[in-house]
Amino acid sequence: MAATRAAMSRAAGRRNLGTLETALPAHEAGSAGTRSALEDRVLALIGPAGLPEPLSNMPVRAAGRRIEVDLHWPAQGLVVEIDGDGHTRPRTRREDAARDRALRAAGHAVVRFTGGDVDDRPAAVLEGLRAALSRRP
């Protein structure tokens, strides 16, 4: 981290340093950044809506193990999973349900959205996020 900060200092005035400044605290908090275009589309909805920025693809402790979640608001105890097409398979649905149970048992609220929700019903996604964030401390 120190080497990255030193390089940024030497690169003062260069383009995209603001992006790196935003990414470093997220990285230090355990966020791995997005892993899919679908997750990017959700984040693109969140910022302009004035919702707090989540951490992305970070591990959360639940059921004695670390479960990587798509989006996490640690202060609110909220986990959001964004399900692409692969989440329609029966085995994946069972695995998702088991993960959700473990996360809920550990005290997290879990909300799931599909790719269709994100692409076809973005206002409903934002409404669901606002509601979930307002119910949490």
N, C-alpha and C. Protein backbone atom coordinates (compact mmCIF):
# COMPACT_ATOMS: atom_id res chain seq x y z
N MET A 1 0.82 -1.17 0.00
CA MET A 1 0.00 0.00 0.00
C MET A 1 0.87 1.25 0.00
N ALA A 2 1.95 1.21 0.78
CA ALA A 2 2.84 2.38 0.84
C ALA A 2 3.46 2.64 -0.53
N ALA A 3 3.85 1.58 -1.23
CA ALA A 3 4.45 1.74 -2.56
C ALA A 3 3.44 2.31 -3.55
N THR A 4 2.20 1.89 -3.44
CA THR A 4 1.16 2.41 -4.33
C THR A 4 0.93 3.89 -4.06
N ARG A 5 0.85 4.25 -2.80
CA ARG A 5 0.66 5.66 -2.44
C ARG A 5 1.85 6.50 -2.92
N ALA A 6 3.06 5.98 -2.79
CA ALA A 6 4.25 6.72 -3.25
C ALA A 6 4.20 6.92 -4.76
N ALA A 7 3.81 5.88 -5.49
CA ALA A 7 3.70 5.99 -6.95
C ALA A 7 2.63 7.00 -7.33
N MET A 8 1.53 7.00 -6.59
CA MET A 8 0.47 7.97 -6.87
C MET A 8 0.97 9.40 -6.63
N SER A 9 1.76 9.56 -5.62
CA SER A 9 2.31 10.88 -5.31
C SER A 9 3.21 11.36 -6.44
N ARG A 10 4.01 10.45 -6.98
CA ARG A 10 4.89 10.80 -8.10
C ARG A 10 4.10 11.08 -9.37
N ALA A 11 2.89 10.52 -9.46
CA ALA A 11 2.08 10.67 -10.68
C ALA A 11 1.06 11.79 -10.55
N ALA A 12 1.25 12.69 -9.64
CA ALA A 12 0.30 13.77 -9.41
C ALA A 12 -0.09 14.44 -10.72
N GLY A 13 -1.38 14.63 -10.89
CA GLY A 13 -1.88 15.27 -12.10
C GLY A 13 -2.24 14.32 -13.22
N ARG A 14 -1.88 13.06 -13.08
CA ARG A 14 -2.20 12.08 -14.11
C ARG A 14 -3.67 11.72 -14.07
N ARG A 15 -4.17 11.29 -15.23
CA ARG A 15 -5.57 10.88 -15.31
C ARG A 15 -5.82 9.62 -14.48
N ASN A 16 -7.05 9.48 -14.03
CA ASN A 16 -7.56 8.29 -13.33
C ASN A 16 -7.01 8.09 -11.92
N LEU A 17 -6.27 9.04 -11.38
CA LEU A 17 -5.83 8.89 -10.00
C LEU A 17 -7.02 8.94 -9.04
N GLY A 18 -8.07 9.66 -9.41
CA GLY A 18 -9.27 9.71 -8.58
C GLY A 18 -9.91 8.34 -8.44
N THR A 19 -9.90 7.59 -9.52
CA THR A 19 -10.45 6.23 -9.48
C THR A 19 -9.64 5.37 -8.52
N LEU A 20 -8.33 5.50 -8.57
CA LEU A 20 -7.48 4.74 -7.67
C LEU A 20 -7.68 5.18 -6.22
N GLU A 21 -7.84 6.48 -6.00
CA GLU A 21 -8.11 6.98 -4.65
C GLU A 21 -9.39 6.38 -4.08
N THR A 22 -10.37 6.19 -4.93
CA THR A 22 -11.64 5.59 -4.50
C THR A 22 -11.47 4.10 -4.24
N ALA A 23 -10.66 3.44 -5.05
CA ALA A 23 -10.50 1.99 -4.95
C ALA A 23 -9.68 1.56 -3.75
N LEU A 24 -8.70 2.34 -3.36
CA LEU A 24 -7.81 1.92 -2.27
C LEU A 24 -8.51 1.71 -0.93
N PRO A 25 -9.35 2.62 -0.48
CA PRO A 25 -10.05 2.35 0.79
C PRO A 25 -10.96 1.12 0.70
N ALA A 26 -11.59 0.93 -0.45
CA ALA A 26 -12.44 -0.26 -0.62
C ALA A 26 -11.59 -1.52 -0.54
N HIS A 27 -10.42 -1.49 -1.17
CA HIS A 27 -9.51 -2.64 -1.11
C HIS A 27 -9.08 -2.90 0.34
N GLU A 28 -8.73 -1.84 1.04
CA GLU A 28 -8.29 -2.01 2.43
C GLU A 28 -9.40 -2.57 3.31
N ALA A 29 -10.65 -2.30 2.95
CA ALA A 29 -11.79 -2.82 3.72
C ALA A 29 -12.14 -4.26 3.34
N GLY A 30 -11.47 -4.81 2.33
CA GLY A 30 -11.71 -6.19 1.93
C GLY A 30 -12.45 -6.34 0.63
N SER A 31 -12.82 -5.25 0.00
CA SER A 31 -13.55 -5.31 -1.26
C SER A 31 -12.62 -5.73 -2.39
N ALA A 32 -13.10 -6.63 -3.23
CA ALA A 32 -12.29 -7.10 -4.35
C ALA A 32 -12.71 -6.46 -5.67
N GLY A 33 -13.66 -5.54 -5.62
CA GLY A 33 -14.17 -4.96 -6.86
C GLY A 33 -15.17 -5.90 -7.50
N THR A 34 -15.76 -5.44 -8.57
CA THR A 34 -16.80 -6.25 -9.21
C THR A 34 -16.19 -7.38 -10.03
N ARG A 35 -17.00 -8.40 -10.27
CA ARG A 35 -16.56 -9.55 -11.05
C ARG A 35 -17.42 -9.77 -12.29
N SER A 36 -18.41 -8.90 -12.51
CA SER A 36 -19.27 -9.10 -13.67
C SER A 36 -19.83 -7.77 -14.14
N ALA A 37 -20.22 -7.75 -15.39
CA ALA A 37 -20.88 -6.57 -15.95
C ALA A 37 -22.21 -6.31 -15.24
N LEU A 38 -22.86 -7.36 -14.79
CA LEU A 38 -24.12 -7.22 -14.07
C LEU A 38 -23.90 -6.47 -12.75
N GLU A 39 -22.86 -6.82 -12.03
CA GLU A 39 -22.53 -6.09 -10.80
C GLU A 39 -22.20 -4.64 -11.11
N ASP A 40 -21.48 -4.40 -12.19
CA ASP A 40 -21.17 -3.02 -12.60
C ASP A 40 -22.44 -2.23 -12.86
N ARG A 41 -23.44 -2.87 -13.48
CA ARG A 41 -24.69 -2.18 -13.77
C ARG A 41 -25.43 -1.82 -12.48
N VAL A 42 -25.37 -2.69 -11.49
CA VAL A 42 -26.01 -2.37 -10.21
C VAL A 42 -25.31 -1.18 -9.56
N LEU A 43 -23.98 -1.19 -9.55
CA LEU A 43 -23.25 -0.07 -8.96
C LEU A 43 -23.54 1.22 -9.70
N ALA A 44 -23.74 1.13 -11.01
CA ALA A 44 -24.06 2.33 -11.80
C ALA A 44 -25.43 2.89 -11.41
N LEU A 45 -26.31 2.06 -10.89
CA LEU A 45 -27.61 2.53 -10.39
C LEU A 45 -27.48 3.19 -9.01
N ILE A 46 -26.64 2.59 -8.17
CA ILE A 46 -26.53 2.98 -6.77
C ILE A 46 -25.99 4.40 -6.60
N GLY A 47 -24.90 4.71 -7.27
CA GLY A 47 -24.25 6.02 -7.10
C GLY A 47 -25.17 7.19 -7.37
N PRO A 48 -25.75 7.27 -8.58
CA PRO A 48 -26.63 8.40 -8.89
C PRO A 48 -27.89 8.46 -8.03
N ALA A 49 -28.29 7.34 -7.45
CA ALA A 49 -29.49 7.31 -6.60
C ALA A 49 -29.22 7.85 -5.20
N GLY A 50 -27.95 8.14 -4.92
CA GLY A 50 -27.59 8.68 -3.61
C GLY A 50 -27.52 7.65 -2.50
N LEU A 51 -27.48 6.38 -2.87
CA LEU A 51 -27.36 5.32 -1.87
C LEU A 51 -25.90 5.15 -1.48
N PRO A 52 -25.63 4.68 -0.27
CA PRO A 52 -24.24 4.47 0.12
C PRO A 52 -23.58 3.39 -0.75
N GLU A 53 -22.30 3.59 -1.03
CA GLU A 53 -21.56 2.63 -1.85
C GLU A 53 -21.28 1.36 -1.04
N PRO A 54 -21.55 0.20 -1.63
CA PRO A 54 -21.23 -1.06 -0.94
C PRO A 54 -19.79 -1.49 -1.22
N LEU A 55 -19.33 -2.45 -0.46
CA LEU A 55 -18.10 -3.15 -0.79
C LEU A 55 -18.50 -4.28 -1.73
N SER A 56 -17.60 -4.65 -2.62
CA SER A 56 -17.92 -5.66 -3.64
C SER A 56 -17.08 -6.91 -3.47
N ASN A 57 -17.75 -8.05 -3.59
CA ASN A 57 -17.09 -9.36 -3.59
C ASN A 57 -16.12 -9.51 -2.44
N MET A 58 -16.65 -9.34 -1.27
CA MET A 58 -15.83 -9.50 -0.08
C MET A 58 -16.34 -10.66 0.76
N PRO A 59 -15.44 -11.28 1.51
CA PRO A 59 -15.86 -12.40 2.35
C PRO A 59 -16.58 -11.91 3.61
N VAL A 60 -17.61 -12.64 3.98
CA VAL A 60 -18.40 -12.38 5.19
C VAL A 60 -18.40 -13.66 6.00
N ARG A 61 -18.18 -13.55 7.30
CA ARG A 61 -18.19 -14.74 8.16
C ARG A 61 -19.63 -15.16 8.45
N ALA A 62 -19.88 -16.44 8.23
CA ALA A 62 -21.19 -17.02 8.52
C ALA A 62 -21.03 -18.53 8.60
N ALA A 63 -21.68 -19.13 9.56
CA ALA A 63 -21.66 -20.59 9.73
C ALA A 63 -20.23 -21.13 9.81
N GLY A 64 -19.35 -20.38 10.48
CA GLY A 64 -17.97 -20.84 10.66
C GLY A 64 -17.12 -20.83 9.41
N ARG A 65 -17.57 -20.14 8.39
CA ARG A 65 -16.77 -20.06 7.16
C ARG A 65 -16.89 -18.67 6.56
N ARG A 66 -16.11 -18.44 5.55
CA ARG A 66 -16.13 -17.15 4.86
C ARG A 66 -16.92 -17.33 3.57
N ILE A 67 -17.97 -16.54 3.42
CA ILE A 67 -18.81 -16.59 2.23
C ILE A 67 -18.59 -15.30 1.46
N GLU A 68 -18.15 -15.40 0.22
CA GLU A 68 -17.96 -14.20 -0.59
C GLU A 68 -19.31 -13.75 -1.11
N VAL A 69 -19.63 -12.48 -0.87
CA VAL A 69 -20.91 -11.93 -1.30
C VAL A 69 -20.67 -10.86 -2.36
N ASP A 70 -21.68 -10.66 -3.21
CA ASP A 70 -21.53 -9.70 -4.31
C ASP A 70 -21.40 -8.27 -3.81
N LEU A 71 -22.34 -7.82 -3.01
CA LEU A 71 -22.33 -6.46 -2.48
C LEU A 71 -22.61 -6.52 -0.99
N HIS A 72 -21.89 -5.68 -0.23
CA HIS A 72 -22.03 -5.74 1.22
C HIS A 72 -21.97 -4.33 1.80
N TRP A 73 -22.93 -4.04 2.64
CA TRP A 73 -22.95 -2.82 3.43
C TRP A 73 -22.73 -3.27 4.87
N PRO A 74 -21.47 -3.34 5.33
CA PRO A 74 -21.20 -3.89 6.68
C PRO A 74 -21.90 -3.14 7.81
N ALA A 75 -21.92 -1.82 7.76
CA ALA A 75 -22.54 -1.04 8.85
C ALA A 75 -24.02 -1.33 8.97
N GLN A 76 -24.66 -1.66 7.85
CA GLN A 76 -26.09 -1.96 7.87
C GLN A 76 -26.38 -3.45 7.94
N GLY A 77 -25.33 -4.27 7.88
CA GLY A 77 -25.54 -5.72 7.92
C GLY A 77 -26.30 -6.24 6.73
N LEU A 78 -26.13 -5.58 5.58
CA LEU A 78 -26.89 -5.95 4.38
C LEU A 78 -25.99 -6.60 3.34
N VAL A 79 -26.46 -7.71 2.81
CA VAL A 79 -25.81 -8.43 1.72
C VAL A 79 -26.76 -8.44 0.54
N VAL A 80 -26.24 -8.10 -0.64
CA VAL A 80 -27.04 -8.18 -1.86
C VAL A 80 -26.33 -9.12 -2.83
N GLU A 81 -27.07 -10.07 -3.32
CA GLU A 81 -26.56 -11.00 -4.32
C GLU A 81 -27.23 -10.68 -5.66
N ILE A 82 -26.44 -10.64 -6.71
CA ILE A 82 -26.91 -10.36 -8.05
C ILE A 82 -26.81 -11.66 -8.85
N ASP A 83 -27.95 -12.22 -9.20
CA ASP A 83 -27.98 -13.53 -9.84
C ASP A 83 -28.08 -13.44 -11.35
N GLY A 84 -27.03 -13.91 -12.01
CA GLY A 84 -27.05 -14.00 -13.46
C GLY A 84 -27.76 -15.27 -13.90
N ASP A 85 -27.67 -15.57 -15.18
CA ASP A 85 -28.38 -16.72 -15.76
C ASP A 85 -28.03 -18.05 -15.10
N GLY A 86 -26.80 -18.21 -14.63
CA GLY A 86 -26.38 -19.48 -14.03
C GLY A 86 -27.10 -19.81 -12.74
N HIS A 87 -27.77 -18.86 -12.15
CA HIS A 87 -28.45 -19.09 -10.88
C HIS A 87 -29.83 -19.71 -11.03
N THR A 88 -30.20 -20.07 -12.25
CA THR A 88 -31.50 -20.71 -12.46
C THR A 88 -31.42 -22.23 -12.35
N ARG A 89 -30.20 -22.78 -12.37
CA ARG A 89 -30.04 -24.23 -12.27
C ARG A 89 -30.45 -24.71 -10.87
N PRO A 90 -31.12 -25.86 -10.78
CA PRO A 90 -31.60 -26.34 -9.48
C PRO A 90 -30.49 -26.46 -8.43
N ARG A 91 -29.34 -27.00 -8.79
CA ARG A 91 -28.26 -27.15 -7.82
C ARG A 91 -27.79 -25.78 -7.32
N THR A 92 -27.64 -24.83 -8.22
CA THR A 92 -27.19 -23.50 -7.83
C THR A 92 -28.22 -22.83 -6.94
N ARG A 93 -29.50 -23.02 -7.24
CA ARG A 93 -30.55 -22.44 -6.41
C ARG A 93 -30.50 -23.02 -4.99
N ARG A 94 -30.24 -24.33 -4.88
CA ARG A 94 -30.12 -24.95 -3.55
C ARG A 94 -28.91 -24.37 -2.80
N GLU A 95 -27.79 -24.22 -3.50
CA GLU A 95 -26.59 -23.67 -2.88
C GLU A 95 -26.82 -22.22 -2.45
N ASP A 96 -27.49 -21.44 -3.28
CA ASP A 96 -27.81 -20.06 -2.94
C ASP A 96 -28.69 -20.00 -1.69
N ALA A 97 -29.68 -20.87 -1.63
CA ALA A 97 -30.59 -20.89 -0.47
C ALA A 97 -29.82 -21.24 0.80
N ALA A 98 -28.89 -22.18 0.72
CA ALA A 98 -28.08 -22.55 1.89
C ALA A 98 -27.19 -21.38 2.32
N ARG A 99 -26.60 -20.68 1.37
CA ARG A 99 -25.77 -19.51 1.69
C ARG A 99 -26.62 -18.44 2.36
N ASP A 100 -27.81 -18.20 1.82
CA ASP A 100 -28.70 -17.18 2.39
C ASP A 100 -29.06 -17.54 3.83
N ARG A 101 -29.37 -18.81 4.07
CA ARG A 101 -29.71 -19.23 5.44
C ARG A 101 -28.54 -18.98 6.39
N ALA A 102 -27.33 -19.33 5.96
CA ALA A 102 -26.15 -19.14 6.80
C ALA A 102 -25.91 -17.65 7.07
N LEU A 103 -26.05 -16.83 6.05
CA LEU A 103 -25.86 -15.39 6.23
C LEU A 103 -26.91 -14.80 7.16
N ARG A 104 -28.14 -15.21 6.99
CA ARG A 104 -29.22 -14.70 7.86
C ARG A 104 -29.01 -15.15 9.30
N ALA A 105 -28.59 -16.40 9.48
CA ALA A 105 -28.33 -16.91 10.83
C ALA A 105 -27.21 -16.13 11.50
N ALA A 106 -26.29 -15.58 10.70
CA ALA A 106 -25.19 -14.78 11.22
C ALA A 106 -25.60 -13.32 11.43
N GLY A 107 -26.86 -13.00 11.16
CA GLY A 107 -27.37 -11.67 11.42
C GLY A 107 -27.42 -10.72 10.25
N HIS A 108 -27.15 -11.21 9.05
CA HIS A 108 -27.18 -10.35 7.86
C HIS A 108 -28.55 -10.41 7.19
N ALA A 109 -28.98 -9.27 6.69
CA ALA A 109 -30.15 -9.26 5.81
C ALA A 109 -29.63 -9.61 4.42
N VAL A 110 -30.36 -10.44 3.69
CA VAL A 110 -29.94 -10.86 2.35
C VAL A 110 -31.03 -10.51 1.36
N VAL A 111 -30.64 -9.83 0.30
CA VAL A 111 -31.56 -9.46 -0.77
C VAL A 111 -30.95 -9.97 -2.07
N ARG A 112 -31.79 -10.56 -2.91
CA ARG A 112 -31.33 -11.05 -4.21
C ARG A 112 -32.07 -10.33 -5.33
N PHE A 113 -31.31 -10.01 -6.37
CA PHE A 113 -31.88 -9.45 -7.59
C PHE A 113 -31.37 -10.29 -8.76
N THR A 114 -32.19 -10.44 -9.77
CA THR A 114 -31.78 -11.14 -10.99
C THR A 114 -31.27 -10.14 -12.01
N GLY A 115 -30.62 -10.67 -13.03
CA GLY A 115 -30.21 -9.82 -14.14
C GLY A 115 -31.41 -9.11 -14.77
N GLY A 116 -32.53 -9.81 -14.87
CA GLY A 116 -33.75 -9.22 -15.40
C GLY A 116 -34.23 -8.06 -14.55
N ASP A 117 -34.12 -8.21 -13.22
CA ASP A 117 -34.50 -7.11 -12.33
C ASP A 117 -33.65 -5.88 -12.63
N VAL A 118 -32.35 -6.09 -12.72
CA VAL A 118 -31.41 -4.98 -12.92
C VAL A 118 -31.65 -4.30 -14.27
N ASP A 119 -31.82 -5.10 -15.31
CA ASP A 119 -31.93 -4.54 -16.66
C ASP A 119 -33.34 -4.05 -16.99
N ASP A 120 -34.36 -4.74 -16.50
CA ASP A 120 -35.73 -4.42 -16.90
C ASP A 120 -36.51 -3.62 -15.85
N ARG A 121 -36.08 -3.70 -14.58
CA ARG A 121 -36.80 -3.04 -13.50
C ARG A 121 -35.85 -2.31 -12.55
N PRO A 122 -35.01 -1.42 -13.09
CA PRO A 122 -34.03 -0.76 -12.22
C PRO A 122 -34.66 0.06 -11.10
N ALA A 123 -35.82 0.66 -11.35
CA ALA A 123 -36.48 1.43 -10.29
C ALA A 123 -36.89 0.51 -9.13
N ALA A 124 -37.33 -0.69 -9.44
CA ALA A 124 -37.70 -1.65 -8.40
C ALA A 124 -36.47 -2.10 -7.61
N VAL A 125 -35.34 -2.25 -8.29
CA VAL A 125 -34.09 -2.61 -7.61
C VAL A 125 -33.72 -1.51 -6.62
N LEU A 126 -33.77 -0.27 -7.07
CA LEU A 126 -33.43 0.85 -6.17
C LEU A 126 -34.41 0.94 -5.01
N GLU A 127 -35.69 0.72 -5.28
CA GLU A 127 -36.69 0.72 -4.21
C GLU A 127 -36.39 -0.38 -3.19
N GLY A 128 -36.04 -1.57 -3.68
CA GLY A 128 -35.70 -2.68 -2.79
C GLY A 128 -34.47 -2.38 -1.96
N LEU A 129 -33.46 -1.76 -2.58
CA LEU A 129 -32.25 -1.40 -1.84
C LEU A 129 -32.54 -0.34 -0.77
N ARG A 130 -33.29 0.68 -1.15
CA ARG A 130 -33.64 1.73 -0.18
C ARG A 130 -34.37 1.13 1.01
N ALA A 131 -35.32 0.26 0.73
CA ALA A 131 -36.10 -0.37 1.81
C ALA A 131 -35.19 -1.21 2.71
N ALA A 132 -34.32 -2.01 2.13
CA ALA A 132 -33.44 -2.88 2.90
C ALA A 132 -32.46 -2.04 3.72
N LEU A 133 -31.93 -0.98 3.15
CA LEU A 133 -30.98 -0.13 3.88
C LEU A 133 -31.67 0.65 5.00
N SER A 134 -32.92 1.00 4.81
CA SER A 134 -33.62 1.77 5.85
C SER A 134 -34.04 0.89 7.03
N ARG A 135 -34.14 -0.41 6.81
CA ARG A 135 -34.53 -1.33 7.90
C ARG A 135 -33.36 -1.71 8.78
N ARG A 136 -32.16 -1.46 8.33
CA ARG A 136 -30.96 -1.88 9.05
C ARG A 136 -30.38 -0.72 9.85
N PRO A 137 -29.65 -1.01 10.94
CA PRO A 137 -29.06 0.06 11.76
C PRO A 137 -28.07 0.91 10.97
